Amino acid sequence: MFTDHDILSARTAKNAVDPTRPYAFLVEPERTARDRVEDVATLFLTNRECPFRCLMCDLWKNTTDARVAVGAIPGQIAYALERLPPARHIKLYNSGSFFDHQAVPPEDYEPIARIVAGFETVIVENHPRLCGDDCRRFRDLLAGDLEVALGLETAHEDVLKRLNKQMTLSDFERAVRFLVAHRVRVRAFILLRPPFLDEQEGVEWAIRSMRFAFDVGVACCVVIPTRAGNGMLELLAARGWFAPPTIDSMERVLEAGLRMQRGRVFVDLWDCERFYDSAACGPPRRDRLHQMNLTQKLLPPV
């Protein structure tokens, strides 16, 4: 088992960020809960680092060490929206938990809700153990629907414990059922080949994790290929405990998820090039995965 100290010791320096600006923002199409392909604005907000030290996480790279000032997060959102084309849905991703009071001050909930009043859906990310009355309060402030993205990571209980996620499968299920009972949709982030699993095990457990997520009430699963780059994963790779998945595994897991027909399933294609088997075959295989993300239908292999 690796401790917070082990994980922090393996880190490199953080990137320089401005607490008054999001560190990135974009608009991209996504198959929405309404079964339409629509534009979604994604804002990567700058705030204090998450208190949970997950073994595989690299989101700390673009965070601050101190709590941002009240008003900073609404200001970041307004800044990005002034520079983005129109979209019908918005993701407010903050490299941690939206309902962590040290990341997003509760005093900012009302101003945020006013700024995003024109969106049909507001999607935030959160740790399962931080899902409570704040979620309901924020939902009630919104003009549109609230969706919360939770990191399940894996349904493999031993691996989940070794990831230092500081939650159990019961914690995850409890959070999902609470949110669904209060009219909040849930999406789950699932790792493809987290540390301590080989390639075949990585595929099998990603599929089992999707089944678990759907069983407890999740409406959408996002499969994230586990990427090196946070320091700790490089140490694990040197010991033979981690290797990134292949694009073949990405295809197998997305295909299996779509065959379930239990909810939307996406595979994350950010930086997909690092998973290519060859420069010639990689781009068309990525394009196929992208089209399956959008259509939610199986397409012929390429």
C-alpha atoms as a PDB file:
ATOM      1  CA  MET A   1       0.000   0.000   0.000  1.00  0.00           C
ATOM      2  CA  PHE A   2       1.225   3.484  -0.854  1.00  0.00           C
ATOM      3  CA  THR A   3       0.597   6.407   1.475  1.00  0.00           C
ATOM      4  CA  ASP A   4      -0.138  10.069   0.822  1.00  0.00           C
ATOM      5  CA  HIS A   5       3.523  10.744   1.622  1.00  0.00           C
ATOM      6  CA  ASP A   6       4.713   8.221  -0.987  1.00  0.00           C
ATOM      7  CA  ILE A   7       2.444   9.734  -3.638  1.00  0.00           C
ATOM      8  CA  LEU A   8       3.415  13.329  -2.859  1.00  0.00           C
ATOM      9  CA  SER A   9       7.113  12.428  -2.824  1.00  0.00           C
ATOM     10  CA  ALA A  10       6.921  11.126  -6.396  1.00  0.00           C
ATOM     11  CA  ARG A  11       5.534  14.366  -7.795  1.00  0.00           C
ATOM     12  CA  THR A  12       7.220  16.953  -9.969  1.00  0.00           C
ATOM     13  CA  ALA A  13       6.398  20.668  -9.720  1.00  0.00           C
ATOM     14  CA  LYS A  14       2.921  22.023 -10.393  1.00  0.00           C
ATOM     15  CA  ASN A  15       2.191  24.185 -13.422  1.00  0.00           C
ATOM     16  CA  ALA A  16       1.838  27.922 -12.888  1.00  0.00           C
ATOM     17  CA  VAL A  17      -1.868  28.844 -12.806  1.00  0.00           C
ATOM     18  CA  ASP A  18      -3.860  32.049 -12.375  1.00  0.00           C
ATOM     19  CA  PRO A  19      -6.553  31.748  -9.661  1.00  0.00           C
ATOM     20  CA  THR A  20      -8.721  34.222 -11.578  1.00  0.00           C
ATOM     21  CA  ARG A  21      -8.728  32.228 -14.826  1.00  0.00           C
ATOM     22  CA  PRO A  22      -9.686  28.679 -15.838  1.00  0.00           C
ATOM     23  CA  TYR A  23      -6.605  26.833 -17.004  1.00  0.00           C
ATOM     24  CA  ALA A  24      -8.423  25.572 -20.116  1.00  0.00           C
ATOM     25  CA  PHE A  25     -11.840  25.704 -21.783  1.00  0.00           C
ATOM     26  CA  LEU A  26     -13.374  24.317 -24.962  1.00  0.00           C
ATOM     27  CA  VAL A  27     -16.594  23.297 -26.710  1.00  0.00           C
ATOM     28  CA  GLU A  28     -17.041  19.825 -28.195  1.00  0.00           C
ATOM     29  CA  PRO A  29     -19.950  17.630 -29.288  1.00  0.00           C
ATOM     30  CA  GLU A  30     -21.312  14.872 -27.066  1.00  0.00           C
ATOM     31  CA  ARG A  31     -24.254  12.491 -27.154  1.00  0.00           C
ATOM     32  CA  THR A  32     -26.409  13.945 -24.413  1.00  0.00           C
ATOM     33  CA  ALA A  33     -28.975  12.423 -22.069  1.00  0.00           C
ATOM     34  CA  ARG A  34     -31.633  13.631 -24.514  1.00  0.00           C
ATOM     35  CA  ASP A  35     -30.147  11.249 -27.124  1.00  0.00           C
ATOM     36  CA  ARG A  36     -28.975  14.083 -29.345  1.00  0.00           C
ATOM     37  CA  VAL A  37     -25.484  15.155 -30.361  1.00  0.00           C
ATOM     38  CA  GLU A  38     -25.122  18.654 -28.944  1.00  0.00           C
ATOM     39  CA  ASP A  39     -22.329  21.059 -28.118  1.00  0.00           C
ATOM     40  CA  VAL A  40     -21.017  20.939 -24.560  1.00  0.00           C
ATOM     41  CA  ALA A  41     -18.790  23.623 -23.056  1.00  0.00           C
ATOM     42  CA  THR A  42     -16.108  22.213 -20.765  1.00  0.00           C
ATOM     43  CA  LEU A  43     -14.369  24.546 -18.332  1.00  0.00           C
ATOM     44  CA  PHE A  44     -11.314  23.415 -16.376  1.00  0.00           C
ATOM     45  CA  LEU A  45     -11.506  25.614 -13.310  1.00  0.00           C
ATOM     46  CA  THR A  46      -8.543  26.663 -11.208  1.00  0.00           C
ATOM     47  CA  ASN A  47      -8.896  26.086  -7.471  1.00  0.00           C
ATOM     48  CA  ARG A  48      -7.303  24.496  -4.437  1.00  0.00           C
ATOM     49  CA  GLU A  49      -5.912  20.995  -4.813  1.00  0.00           C
ATOM     50  CA  CYS A  50      -8.150  18.046  -3.943  1.00  0.00           C
ATOM     51  CA  PRO A  51      -7.514  16.650  -0.428  1.00  0.00           C
ATOM     52  CA  PHE A  52      -7.702  13.050  -1.694  1.00  0.00           C
ATOM     53  CA  ARG A  53      -4.328  11.775  -2.948  1.00  0.00           C
ATOM     54  CA  CYS A  54      -5.327   9.178  -5.509  1.00  0.00           C
ATOM     55  CA  LEU A  55      -2.405   7.097  -6.733  1.00  0.00           C
ATOM     56  CA  MET A  56      -3.092   7.592 -10.460  1.00  0.00           C
ATOM     57  CA  CYS A  57      -4.230  11.232 -10.449  1.00  0.00           C
ATOM     58  CA  ASP A  58      -2.404  14.025 -12.280  1.00  0.00           C
ATOM     59  CA  LEU A  59      -5.062  16.728 -11.891  1.00  0.00           C
ATOM     60  CA  TRP A  60      -3.080  18.328  -9.049  1.00  0.00           C
ATOM     61  CA  LYS A  61      -0.729  19.775 -11.675  1.00  0.00           C
ATOM     62  CA  ASN A  62      -3.095  22.674 -12.418  1.00  0.00           C
ATOM     63  CA  THR A  63      -4.286  23.527  -8.902  1.00  0.00           C
ATOM     64  CA  THR A  64      -3.447  26.074  -6.235  1.00  0.00           C
ATOM     65  CA  ASP A  65      -2.191  25.373  -2.730  1.00  0.00           C
ATOM     66  CA  ALA A  66      -4.578  27.866  -1.123  1.00  0.00           C
ATOM     67  CA  ARG A  67      -8.337  28.333  -1.324  1.00  0.00           C
ATOM     68  CA  VAL A  68      -9.289  30.764  -4.090  1.00  0.00           C
ATOM     69  CA  ALA A  69     -11.131  33.926  -3.127  1.00  0.00           C
ATOM     70  CA  VAL A  70     -14.913  34.049  -3.001  1.00  0.00           C
ATOM     71  CA  GLY A  71     -16.017  35.236  -6.436  1.00  0.00           C
ATOM     72  CA  ALA A  72     -13.026  33.783  -8.281  1.00  0.00           C
ATOM     73  CA  ILE A  73     -14.865  30.721  -9.608  1.00  0.00           C
ATOM     74  CA  PRO A  74     -17.866  32.689 -10.985  1.00  0.00           C
ATOM     75  CA  GLY A  75     -15.335  35.063 -12.543  1.00  0.00           C
ATOM     76  CA  GLN A  76     -13.516  32.180 -14.213  1.00  0.00           C
ATOM     77  CA  ILE A  77     -16.772  30.836 -15.629  1.00  0.00           C
ATOM     78  CA  ALA A  78     -17.813  34.233 -16.977  1.00  0.00           C
ATOM     79  CA  TYR A  79     -14.354  34.721 -18.506  1.00  0.00           C
ATOM     80  CA  ALA A  80     -14.536  31.431 -20.405  1.00  0.00           C
ATOM     81  CA  LEU A  81     -18.127  31.834 -21.586  1.00  0.00           C
ATOM     82  CA  GLU A  82     -17.328  35.247 -23.051  1.00  0.00           C
ATOM     83  CA  ARG A  83     -14.739  33.522 -25.249  1.00  0.00           C
ATOM     84  CA  LEU A  84     -16.532  30.316 -26.224  1.00  0.00           C
ATOM     85  CA  PRO A  85     -19.146  29.691 -28.904  1.00  0.00           C
ATOM     86  CA  PRO A  86     -22.685  28.886 -27.718  1.00  0.00           C
ATOM     87  CA  ALA A  87     -23.425  25.472 -26.195  1.00  0.00           C
ATOM     88  CA  ARG A  88     -26.484  23.854 -24.614  1.00  0.00           C
ATOM     89  CA  HIS A  89     -24.717  22.051 -21.792  1.00  0.00           C
ATOM     90  CA  ILE A  90     -21.756  22.890 -19.575  1.00  0.00           C
ATOM     91  CA  LYS A  91     -19.185  20.897 -17.600  1.00  0.00           C
ATOM     92  CA  LEU A  92     -17.585  22.641 -14.646  1.00  0.00           C
ATOM     93  CA  TYR A  93     -14.583  20.435 -13.927  1.00  0.00           C
ATOM     94  CA  ASN A  94     -12.324  21.588 -11.116  1.00  0.00           C
ATOM     95  CA  SER A  95      -9.584  18.952 -10.779  1.00  0.00           C
ATOM     96  CA  GLY A  96     -11.250  17.572  -7.676  1.00  0.00           C
ATOM     97  CA  SER A  97     -14.641  17.895  -6.028  1.00  0.00           C
ATOM     98  CA  PHE A  98     -17.064  20.700  -6.810  1.00  0.00           C
ATOM     99  CA  PHE A  99     -18.643  20.310  -3.371  1.00  0.00           C
ATOM    100  CA  ASP A 100     -15.332  20.514  -1.520  1.00  0.00           C
ATOM    101  CA  HIS A 101     -15.721  23.848   0.301  1.00  0.00           C
ATOM    102  CA  GLN A 102     -11.984  24.494   0.042  1.00  0.00           C
ATOM    103  CA  ALA A 103     -12.192  24.205  -3.744  1.00  0.00           C
ATOM    104  CA  VAL A 104     -15.460  25.989  -4.582  1.00  0.00           C
ATOM    105  CA  PRO A 105     -16.717  28.269  -1.796  1.00  0.00           C
ATOM    106  CA  PRO A 106     -20.424  27.647  -1.070  1.00  0.00           C
ATOM    107  CA  GLU A 107     -20.926  31.412  -1.235  1.00  0.00           C
ATOM    108  CA  ASP A 108     -20.299  31.082  -4.976  1.00  0.00           C
ATOM    109  CA  TYR A 109     -23.121  28.611  -5.672  1.00  0.00           C
ATOM    110  CA  GLU A 110     -25.743  31.288  -6.322  1.00  0.00           C
ATOM    111  CA  PRO A 111     -23.548  33.448  -8.594  1.00  0.00           C
ATOM    112  CA  ILE A 112     -22.490  30.334 -10.510  1.00  0.00           C
ATOM    113  CA  ALA A 113     -26.120  29.274 -10.949  1.00  0.00           C
ATOM    114  CA  ARG A 114     -26.991  32.703 -12.352  1.00  0.00           C
ATOM    115  CA  ILE A 115     -24.127  32.610 -14.851  1.00  0.00           C
ATOM    116  CA  VAL A 116     -25.043  29.124 -16.140  1.00  0.00           C
ATOM    117  CA  ALA A 117     -28.813  29.719 -16.144  1.00  0.00           C
ATOM    118  CA  GLY A 118     -28.954  29.406 -19.927  1.00  0.00           C
ATOM    119  CA  PHE A 119     -27.648  25.834 -20.011  1.00  0.00           C
ATOM    120  CA  GLU A 120     -29.922  22.790 -20.103  1.00  0.00           C
ATOM    121  CA  THR A 121     -27.474  20.679 -18.102  1.00  0.00           C
ATOM    122  CA  VAL A 122     -24.707  21.537 -15.656  1.00  0.00           C
ATOM    123  CA  ILE A 123     -22.204  18.732 -15.048  1.00  0.00           C
ATOM    124  CA  VAL A 124     -19.789  18.863 -12.118  1.00  0.00           C
ATOM    125  CA  GLU A 125     -17.313  16.337 -10.730  1.00  0.00           C
ATOM    126  CA  ASN A 126     -17.216  15.224  -7.116  1.00  0.00           C
ATOM    127  CA  HIS A 127     -15.807  12.604  -4.764  1.00  0.00           C
ATOM    128  CA  PRO A 128     -18.468  10.070  -3.681  1.00  0.00           C
ATOM    129  CA  ARG A 129     -17.834  10.816  -0.011  1.00  0.00           C
ATOM    130  CA  LEU A 130     -18.655  14.507  -0.513  1.00  0.00           C
ATOM    131  CA  CYS A 131     -22.170  14.022  -1.877  1.00  0.00           C
ATOM    132  CA  GLY A 132     -24.723  15.500   0.500  1.00  0.00           C
ATOM    133  CA  ASP A 133     -26.977  18.474   1.074  1.00  0.00           C
ATOM    134  CA  ASP A 134     -24.759  20.810  -0.959  1.00  0.00           C
ATOM    135  CA  CYS A 135     -25.667  18.788  -4.058  1.00  0.00           C
ATOM    136  CA  ARG A 136     -29.365  19.313  -3.407  1.00  0.00           C
ATOM    137  CA  ARG A 137     -28.878  22.973  -2.646  1.00  0.00           C
ATOM    138  CA  PHE A 138     -26.966  23.592  -5.874  1.00  0.00           C
ATOM    139  CA  ARG A 139     -29.501  21.563  -7.876  1.00  0.00           C
ATOM    140  CA  ASP A 140     -32.303  23.762  -6.556  1.00  0.00           C
ATOM    141  CA  LEU A 141     -30.466  26.903  -7.669  1.00  0.00           C
ATOM    142  CA  LEU A 142     -30.090  25.740 -11.267  1.00  0.00           C
ATOM    143  CA  ALA A 143     -32.498  26.508 -14.079  1.00  0.00           C
ATOM    144  CA  GLY A 144     -31.519  23.271 -15.833  1.00  0.00           C
ATOM    145  CA  ASP A 145     -30.602  19.755 -14.773  1.00  0.00           C
ATOM    146  CA  LEU A 146     -27.664  18.815 -12.557  1.00  0.00           C
ATOM    147  CA  GLU A 147     -25.415  15.877 -13.361  1.00  0.00           C
ATOM    148  CA  VAL A 148     -22.588  14.773 -11.080  1.00  0.00           C
ATOM    149  CA  ALA A 149     -19.578  12.834 -12.344  1.00  0.00           C
ATOM    150  CA  LEU A 150     -18.121  10.449  -9.755  1.00  0.00           C
ATOM    151  CA  GLY A 151     -14.831   8.596  -9.974  1.00  0.00           C
ATOM    152  CA  LEU A 152     -15.590   4.923  -9.512  1.00  0.00           C
ATOM    153  CA  GLU A 153     -12.208   4.064 -11.069  1.00  0.00           C
ATOM    154  CA  THR A 154     -12.688   0.301 -10.662  1.00  0.00           C
ATOM    155  CA  ALA A 155     -15.030  -2.221  -9.080  1.00  0.00           C
ATOM    156  CA  HIS A 156     -11.980  -4.364  -8.199  1.00  0.00           C
ATOM    157  CA  GLU A 157     -12.046  -3.870  -4.434  1.00  0.00           C
ATOM    158  CA  ASP A 158      -8.386  -4.665  -3.786  1.00  0.00           C
ATOM    159  CA  VAL A 159      -7.157  -2.390  -6.576  1.00  0.00           C
ATOM    160  CA  LEU A 160      -9.539   0.366  -5.467  1.00  0.00           C
ATOM    161  CA  LYS A 161      -8.022   0.212  -1.985  1.00  0.00           C
ATOM    162  CA  ARG A 162      -4.493   0.346  -3.394  1.00  0.00           C
ATOM    163  CA  LEU A 163      -5.380   3.419  -5.474  1.00  0.00           C
ATOM    164  CA  ASN A 164      -5.696   5.379  -2.202  1.00  0.00           C
ATOM    165  CA  LYS A 165      -9.116   6.613  -3.347  1.00  0.00           C
ATOM    166  CA  GLN A 166     -10.297   6.568   0.272  1.00  0.00           C
ATOM    167  CA  MET A 167     -13.665   5.113  -0.617  1.00  0.00           C
ATOM    168  CA  THR A 168     -15.326   1.716  -0.902  1.00  0.00           C
ATOM    169  CA  LEU A 169     -17.794   0.369  -3.432  1.00  0.00           C
ATOM    170  CA  SER A 170     -20.453   0.849  -0.764  1.00  0.00           C
ATOM    171  CA  ASP A 171     -19.508   4.533  -0.528  1.00  0.00           C
ATOM    172  CA  PHE A 172     -19.908   4.844  -4.284  1.00  0.00           C
ATOM    173  CA  GLU A 173     -23.262   3.069  -4.325  1.00  0.00           C
ATOM    174  CA  ARG A 174     -24.518   5.188  -1.430  1.00  0.00           C
ATOM    175  CA  ALA A 175     -23.553   8.392  -3.254  1.00  0.00           C
ATOM    176  CA  VAL A 176     -25.215   7.326  -6.501  1.00  0.00           C
ATOM    177  CA  ARG A 177     -28.447   6.298  -4.820  1.00  0.00           C
ATOM    178  CA  PHE A 178     -28.540   9.562  -2.852  1.00  0.00           C
ATOM    179  CA  LEU A 179     -28.071  11.638  -5.988  1.00  0.00           C
ATOM    180  CA  VAL A 180     -30.576   9.707  -8.088  1.00  0.00           C
ATOM    181  CA  ALA A 181     -33.145   9.925  -5.282  1.00  0.00           C
ATOM    182  CA  HIS A 182     -32.757  13.701  -5.417  1.00  0.00           C
ATOM    183  CA  ARG A 183     -33.172  14.018  -9.178  1.00  0.00           C
ATOM    184  CA  VAL A 184     -29.492  14.304 -10.020  1.00  0.00           C
ATOM    185  CA  ARG A 185     -28.102  12.240 -12.905  1.00  0.00           C
ATOM    186  CA  VAL A 186     -24.787  10.479 -12.362  1.00  0.00           C
ATOM    187  CA  ARG A 187     -21.940   9.612 -14.691  1.00  0.00           C
ATOM    188  CA  ALA A 188     -19.042   7.430 -13.607  1.00  0.00           C
ATOM    189  CA  PHE A 189     -15.374   7.690 -14.497  1.00  0.00           C
ATOM    190  CA  ILE A 190     -13.870   4.217 -14.949  1.00  0.00           C
ATOM    191  CA  LEU A 191     -10.175   3.498 -15.450  1.00  0.00           C
ATOM    192  CA  LEU A 192      -9.031   1.186 -18.213  1.00  0.00           C
ATOM    193  CA  ARG A 193      -6.064  -0.769 -16.902  1.00  0.00           C
ATOM    194  CA  PRO A 194      -5.324   0.918 -13.590  1.00  0.00           C
ATOM    195  CA  PRO A 195      -2.109  -0.130 -11.818  1.00  0.00           C
ATOM    196  CA  PHE A 196      -1.780  -3.709 -10.579  1.00  0.00           C
ATOM    197  CA  LEU A 197      -3.774  -5.244 -13.489  1.00  0.00           C
ATOM    198  CA  ASP A 198      -2.432  -6.738 -16.710  1.00  0.00           C
ATOM    199  CA  GLU A 199      -3.958  -5.957 -20.110  1.00  0.00           C
ATOM    200  CA  GLN A 200      -6.622  -8.664 -20.110  1.00  0.00           C
ATOM    201  CA  GLU A 201      -7.528  -8.036 -16.475  1.00  0.00           C
ATOM    202  CA  GLY A 202      -7.744  -4.334 -17.268  1.00  0.00           C
ATOM    203  CA  VAL A 203     -10.316  -4.994 -19.993  1.00  0.00           C
ATOM    204  CA  GLU A 204     -12.320  -7.450 -17.893  1.00  0.00           C
ATOM    205  CA  TRP A 205     -12.461  -5.144 -14.881  1.00  0.00           C
ATOM    206  CA  ALA A 206     -13.382  -2.081 -16.918  1.00  0.00           C
ATOM    207  CA  ILE A 207     -16.364  -4.043 -18.246  1.00  0.00           C
ATOM    208  CA  ARG A 208     -17.262  -5.347 -14.790  1.00  0.00           C
ATOM    209  CA  SER A 209     -16.961  -1.825 -13.422  1.00  0.00           C
ATOM    210  CA  MET A 210     -19.417  -0.532 -16.016  1.00  0.00           C
ATOM    211  CA  ARG A 211     -21.881  -3.251 -15.039  1.00  0.00           C
ATOM    212  CA  PHE A 212     -21.511  -2.340 -11.375  1.00  0.00           C
ATOM    213  CA  ALA A 213     -22.023   1.351 -12.130  1.00  0.00           C
ATOM    214  CA  PHE A 214     -25.182   0.729 -14.141  1.00  0.00           C
ATOM    215  CA  ASP A 215     -26.469  -1.685 -11.493  1.00  0.00           C
ATOM    216  CA  VAL A 216     -26.373   1.007  -8.795  1.00  0.00           C
ATOM    217  CA  GLY A 217     -28.018   3.702 -10.905  1.00  0.00           C
ATOM    218  CA  VAL A 218     -25.353   5.436 -12.999  1.00  0.00           C
ATOM    219  CA  ALA A 219     -26.697   6.804 -16.292  1.00  0.00           C
ATOM    220  CA  CYS A 220     -23.417   7.260 -18.191  1.00  0.00           C
ATOM    221  CA  CYS A 221     -19.959   5.656 -18.021  1.00  0.00           C
ATOM    222  CA  VAL A 222     -16.786   7.356 -19.216  1.00  0.00           C
ATOM    223  CA  VAL A 223     -13.862   4.967 -19.681  1.00  0.00           C
ATOM    224  CA  ILE A 224     -10.517   6.668 -19.146  1.00  0.00           C
ATOM    225  CA  PRO A 225      -7.337   4.941 -20.339  1.00  0.00           C
ATOM    226  CA  THR A 226      -4.873   5.185 -17.448  1.00  0.00           C
ATOM    227  CA  ARG A 227      -2.062   7.528 -18.467  1.00  0.00           C
ATOM    228  CA  ALA A 228       1.377   7.911 -16.974  1.00  0.00           C
ATOM    229  CA  GLY A 229       2.761  11.329 -16.136  1.00  0.00           C
ATOM    230  CA  ASN A 230       2.121  11.952 -12.447  1.00  0.00           C
ATOM    231  CA  GLY A 231       5.397  10.583 -11.091  1.00  0.00           C
ATOM    232  CA  MET A 232       3.869   7.751  -9.102  1.00  0.00           C
ATOM    233  CA  LEU A 233       2.835   5.766 -12.173  1.00  0.00           C
ATOM    234  CA  GLU A 234       6.375   5.972 -13.514  1.00  0.00           C
ATOM    235  CA  LEU A 235       7.632   4.416 -10.285  1.00  0.00           C
ATOM    236  CA  LEU A 236       5.027   1.668 -10.543  1.00  0.00           C
ATOM    237  CA  ALA A 237       5.937   1.050 -14.186  1.00  0.00           C
ATOM    238  CA  ALA A 238       9.586   0.607 -13.211  1.00  0.00           C
ATOM    239  CA  ARG A 239       8.499  -2.097 -10.754  1.00  0.00           C
ATOM    240  CA  GLY A 240       6.318  -3.831 -13.339  1.00  0.00           C
ATOM    241  CA  TRP A 241       3.058  -2.811 -11.666  1.00  0.00           C
ATOM    242  CA  PHE A 242       1.747  -0.471 -14.351  1.00  0.00           C
ATOM    243  CA  ALA A 243       1.625  -0.184 -18.127  1.00  0.00           C
ATOM    244  CA  PRO A 244      -0.797   1.903 -20.195  1.00  0.00           C
ATOM    245  CA  PRO A 245      -3.573   0.136 -22.106  1.00  0.00           C
ATOM    246  CA  THR A 246      -3.572  -0.399 -25.848  1.00  0.00           C
ATOM    247  CA  ILE A 247      -5.978   1.100 -28.353  1.00  0.00           C
ATOM    248  CA  ASP A 248      -7.206  -2.452 -28.939  1.00  0.00           C
ATOM    249  CA  SER A 249      -8.349  -2.571 -25.315  1.00  0.00           C
ATOM    250  CA  MET A 250     -10.041   0.814 -25.694  1.00  0.00           C
ATOM    251  CA  GLU A 251     -12.007  -0.597 -28.618  1.00  0.00           C
ATOM    252  CA  ARG A 252     -12.961  -3.788 -26.797  1.00  0.00           C
ATOM    253  CA  VAL A 253     -14.230  -1.965 -23.723  1.00  0.00           C
ATOM    254  CA  LEU A 254     -16.261   0.628 -25.634  1.00  0.00           C
ATOM    255  CA  GLU A 255     -17.800  -2.094 -27.790  1.00  0.00           C
ATOM    256  CA  ALA A 256     -18.726  -4.112 -24.693  1.00  0.00           C
ATOM    257  CA  GLY A 257     -20.247  -1.064 -23.031  1.00  0.00           C
ATOM    258  CA  LEU A 258     -22.353  -0.200 -26.061  1.00  0.00           C
ATOM    259  CA  ARG A 259     -23.595  -3.778 -26.297  1.00  0.00           C
ATOM    260  CA  MET A 260     -24.962  -3.501 -22.752  1.00  0.00           C
ATOM    261  CA  GLN A 261     -27.449  -0.836 -23.900  1.00  0.00           C
ATOM    262  CA  ARG A 262     -27.892   0.309 -20.307  1.00  0.00           C
ATOM    263  CA  GLY A 263     -26.806   3.916 -20.684  1.00  0.00           C
ATOM    264  CA  ARG A 264     -24.378   6.108 -22.563  1.00  0.00           C
ATOM    265  CA  VAL A 265     -20.783   4.875 -22.712  1.00  0.00           C
ATOM    266  CA  PHE A 266     -17.838   6.957 -23.859  1.00  0.00           C
ATOM    267  CA  VAL A 267     -14.123   6.318 -24.081  1.00  0.00           C
ATOM    268  CA  ASP A 268     -11.947   9.329 -23.341  1.00  0.00           C
ATOM    269  CA  LEU A 269      -9.870  10.166 -26.416  1.00  0.00           C
ATOM    270  CA  TRP A 270      -7.730  12.953 -24.988  1.00  0.00           C
ATOM    271  CA  ASP A 271      -4.098  12.372 -25.971  1.00  0.00           C
ATOM    272  CA  CYS A 272      -5.180   9.174 -27.711  1.00  0.00           C
ATOM    273  CA  GLU A 273      -2.035   9.225 -29.852  1.00  0.00           C
ATOM    274  CA  ARG A 274       0.036   7.790 -27.019  1.00  0.00           C
ATOM    275  CA  PHE A 275      -1.972   4.547 -27.255  1.00  0.00           C
ATOM    276  CA  TYR A 276      -1.546   4.003 -31.008  1.00  0.00           C
ATOM    277  CA  ASP A 277       0.006   0.738 -32.180  1.00  0.00           C
ATOM    278  CA  SER A 278       1.147   2.433 -35.389  1.00  0.00           C
ATOM    279  CA  ALA A 279       1.070   5.914 -36.890  1.00  0.00           C
ATOM    280  CA  ALA A 280      -0.812   4.597 -39.929  1.00  0.00           C
ATOM    281  CA  CYS A 281      -3.581   2.652 -38.173  1.00  0.00           C
ATOM    282  CA  GLY A 282      -4.012   4.892 -35.145  1.00  0.00           C
ATOM    283  CA  PRO A 283      -5.905   7.873 -36.633  1.00  0.00           C
ATOM    284  CA  PRO A 284      -8.662   5.856 -38.355  1.00  0.00           C
ATOM    285  CA  ARG A 285      -9.131   3.747 -35.215  1.00  0.00           C
ATOM    286  CA  ARG A 286      -9.428   6.909 -33.154  1.00  0.00           C
ATOM    287  CA  ASP A 287     -11.967   8.305 -35.635  1.00  0.00           C
ATOM    288  CA  ARG A 288     -14.027   5.130 -35.272  1.00  0.00           C
ATOM    289  CA  LEU A 289     -14.011   5.435 -31.480  1.00  0.00           C
ATOM    290  CA  HIS A 290     -15.034   9.091 -31.777  1.00  0.00           C
ATOM    291  CA  GLN A 291     -17.951   8.212 -34.042  1.00  0.00           C
ATOM    292  CA  MET A 292     -19.075   5.446 -31.687  1.00  0.00           C
ATOM    293  CA  ASN A 293     -18.958   7.951 -28.828  1.00  0.00           C
ATOM    294  CA  LEU A 294     -21.257  10.258 -30.788  1.00  0.00           C
ATOM    295  CA  THR A 295     -23.640   7.696 -32.265  1.00  0.00           C
ATOM    296  CA  GLN A 296     -23.615   5.195 -29.375  1.00  0.00           C
ATOM    297  CA  LYS A 297     -23.649   2.496 -32.045  1.00  0.00           C
ATOM    298  CA  LEU A 298     -21.175  -0.228 -32.963  1.00  0.00           C
ATOM    299  CA  LEU A 299     -19.280   0.458 -36.182  1.00  0.00           C
ATOM    300  CA  PRO A 300     -17.283  -1.953 -38.381  1.00  0.00           C
ATOM    301  CA  PRO A 301     -13.644  -2.390 -37.331  1.00  0.00           C
ATOM    302  CA  VAL A 302     -10.963  -0.553 -39.297  1.00  0.00           C
END
